[in-house]
Amino acid sequence: DNSVGVRSLIELSRGPQGGLSLEELKQHYSFEVMLGRRMERLVAAGYLERVGEQYRCTWKGLAAARLLGRLKGLLNLGPGG
């Protein structure tokens, strides 16, 4: 469940005739669950803090975001991971 790409490959390999539609894939993979797990891992690692229903960057998360943002800009990478 950690990697959308890996999970998709596994589900596609199990599908009829080695394939599934996007709608069929969505039935096997929950974006909300994946995002929730990732956010909780960032909390556990000290990059985020959870305040009620909201997440906020800690000093460690802000430093990582700034560094990675600059690196992406330097490498001229678009949005995304």
C-alpha atoms as a PDB file:
ATOM      1  CA  ASP A   1       0.000   0.000   0.000  1.00  0.00           C
ATOM      2  CA  ASN A   2       3.000   2.332   0.161  1.00  0.00           C
ATOM      3  CA  SER A   3       3.523   2.752  -3.551  1.00  0.00           C
ATOM      4  CA  VAL A   4       0.722   3.518  -5.966  1.00  0.00           C
ATOM      5  CA  GLY A   5       2.823   2.200  -8.844  1.00  0.00           C
ATOM      6  CA  VAL A   6       3.718  -1.085  -7.169  1.00  0.00           C
ATOM      7  CA  ARG A   7       0.191  -1.679  -5.909  1.00  0.00           C
ATOM      8  CA  SER A   8      -1.210  -0.945  -9.377  1.00  0.00           C
ATOM      9  CA  LEU A   9       1.196  -3.408 -10.997  1.00  0.00           C
ATOM     10  CA  ILE A  10       0.166  -6.119  -8.543  1.00  0.00           C
ATOM     11  CA  GLU A  11      -3.547  -5.522  -9.100  1.00  0.00           C
ATOM     12  CA  LEU A  12      -3.114  -5.378 -12.879  1.00  0.00           C
ATOM     13  CA  SER A  13      -1.201  -8.661 -12.898  1.00  0.00           C
ATOM     14  CA  ARG A  14      -4.081 -10.291 -11.005  1.00  0.00           C
ATOM     15  CA  GLY A  15      -6.766  -8.849 -13.273  1.00  0.00           C
ATOM     16  CA  PRO A  16      -8.539 -10.755 -16.002  1.00  0.00           C
ATOM     17  CA  GLN A  17      -6.293 -11.017 -19.061  1.00  0.00           C
ATOM     18  CA  GLY A  18      -3.632  -9.024 -17.173  1.00  0.00           C
ATOM     19  CA  GLY A  19      -5.518  -5.738 -17.103  1.00  0.00           C
ATOM     20  CA  LEU A  20      -8.118  -3.580 -15.365  1.00  0.00           C
ATOM     21  CA  SER A  21      -9.785  -0.257 -16.115  1.00  0.00           C
ATOM     22  CA  LEU A  22      -9.111   2.794 -13.955  1.00  0.00           C
ATOM     23  CA  GLU A  23     -12.502   2.366 -12.291  1.00  0.00           C
ATOM     24  CA  GLU A  24     -11.686  -1.280 -11.496  1.00  0.00           C
ATOM     25  CA  LEU A  25      -8.324  -0.252 -10.030  1.00  0.00           C
ATOM     26  CA  LYS A  26     -10.029   2.313  -7.800  1.00  0.00           C
ATOM     27  CA  GLN A  27     -12.064  -0.507  -6.219  1.00  0.00           C
ATOM     28  CA  HIS A  28      -8.828  -2.176  -5.058  1.00  0.00           C
ATOM     29  CA  TYR A  29      -6.929   0.898  -3.944  1.00  0.00           C
ATOM     30  CA  SER A  30      -8.113   3.678  -1.682  1.00  0.00           C
ATOM     31  CA  PHE A  31      -6.361   7.022  -2.124  1.00  0.00           C
ATOM     32  CA  GLU A  32      -7.707   8.172   1.243  1.00  0.00           C
ATOM     33  CA  VAL A  33      -6.178   5.181   3.044  1.00  0.00           C
ATOM     34  CA  MET A  34      -2.836   5.614   1.267  1.00  0.00           C
ATOM     35  CA  LEU A  35      -2.654   9.338   2.019  1.00  0.00           C
ATOM     36  CA  GLY A  36      -3.694   8.803   5.647  1.00  0.00           C
ATOM     37  CA  ARG A  37      -0.938   6.229   6.159  1.00  0.00           C
ATOM     38  CA  ARG A  38       1.661   8.482   4.591  1.00  0.00           C
ATOM     39  CA  MET A  39       0.623  11.422   6.745  1.00  0.00           C
ATOM     40  CA  GLU A  40       0.817   9.319   9.907  1.00  0.00           C
ATOM     41  CA  ARG A  41       4.313   8.114   8.912  1.00  0.00           C
ATOM     42  CA  LEU A  42       5.384  11.746   8.515  1.00  0.00           C
ATOM     43  CA  VAL A  43       3.999  12.452  11.999  1.00  0.00           C
ATOM     44  CA  ALA A  44       5.911   9.475  13.433  1.00  0.00           C
ATOM     45  CA  ALA A  45       9.114  10.648  11.707  1.00  0.00           C
ATOM     46  CA  GLY A  46       8.737  14.141  13.166  1.00  0.00           C
ATOM     47  CA  TYR A  47       8.046  16.009   9.906  1.00  0.00           C
ATOM     48  CA  LEU A  48       4.415  16.773  10.759  1.00  0.00           C
ATOM     49  CA  GLU A  49       2.325  17.278  13.847  1.00  0.00           C
ATOM     50  CA  ARG A  50      -1.356  16.560  14.071  1.00  0.00           C
ATOM     51  CA  VAL A  51      -3.523  19.194  15.735  1.00  0.00           C
ATOM     52  CA  GLY A  52      -7.115  18.034  15.843  1.00  0.00           C
ATOM     53  CA  GLU A  53      -8.057  17.213  12.258  1.00  0.00           C
ATOM     54  CA  GLN A  54      -5.201  19.236  10.759  1.00  0.00           C
ATOM     55  CA  TYR A  55      -1.585  18.417   9.977  1.00  0.00           C
ATOM     56  CA  ARG A  56       1.165  21.029  10.272  1.00  0.00           C
ATOM     57  CA  CYS A  57       4.835  20.968   9.405  1.00  0.00           C
ATOM     58  CA  THR A  58       7.261  20.837  12.309  1.00  0.00           C
ATOM     59  CA  TRP A  59      10.593  22.700  12.095  1.00  0.00           C
ATOM     60  CA  LYS A  60      12.028  19.484  10.627  1.00  0.00           C
ATOM     61  CA  GLY A  61       9.235  19.304   8.038  1.00  0.00           C
ATOM     62  CA  LEU A  62       9.670  22.969   7.091  1.00  0.00           C
ATOM     63  CA  ALA A  63      13.416  22.498   6.624  1.00  0.00           C
ATOM     64  CA  ALA A  64      12.876  19.403   4.467  1.00  0.00           C
ATOM     65  CA  ALA A  65      10.190  21.138   2.394  1.00  0.00           C
ATOM     66  CA  ARG A  66      12.401  24.156   1.749  1.00  0.00           C
ATOM     67  CA  LEU A  67      15.423  22.040   0.851  1.00  0.00           C
ATOM     68  CA  LEU A  68      13.478  19.714  -1.424  1.00  0.00           C
ATOM     69  CA  GLY A  69      11.599  22.624  -3.000  1.00  0.00           C
ATOM     70  CA  ARG A  70      14.880  24.312  -3.875  1.00  0.00           C
ATOM     71  CA  LEU A  71      16.314  21.070  -5.226  1.00  0.00           C
ATOM     72  CA  LYS A  72      13.252  20.531  -7.426  1.00  0.00           C
ATOM     73  CA  GLY A  73      13.579  24.097  -8.707  1.00  0.00           C
ATOM     74  CA  LEU A  74      17.276  23.647  -9.399  1.00  0.00           C
ATOM     75  CA  LEU A  75      16.574  20.437 -11.338  1.00  0.00           C
ATOM     76  CA  ASN A  76      13.599  22.098 -13.073  1.00  0.00           C
ATOM     77  CA  LEU A  77      11.212  19.364 -11.927  1.00  0.00           C
ATOM     78  CA  GLY A  78       7.484  19.920 -12.150  1.00  0.00           C
ATOM     79  CA  PRO A  79       4.850  19.298  -9.491  1.00  0.00           C
ATOM     80  CA  GLY A  80       4.700  15.942  -7.771  1.00  0.00           C
ATOM     81  CA  GLY A  81       7.148  13.791  -5.836  1.00  0.00           C
END
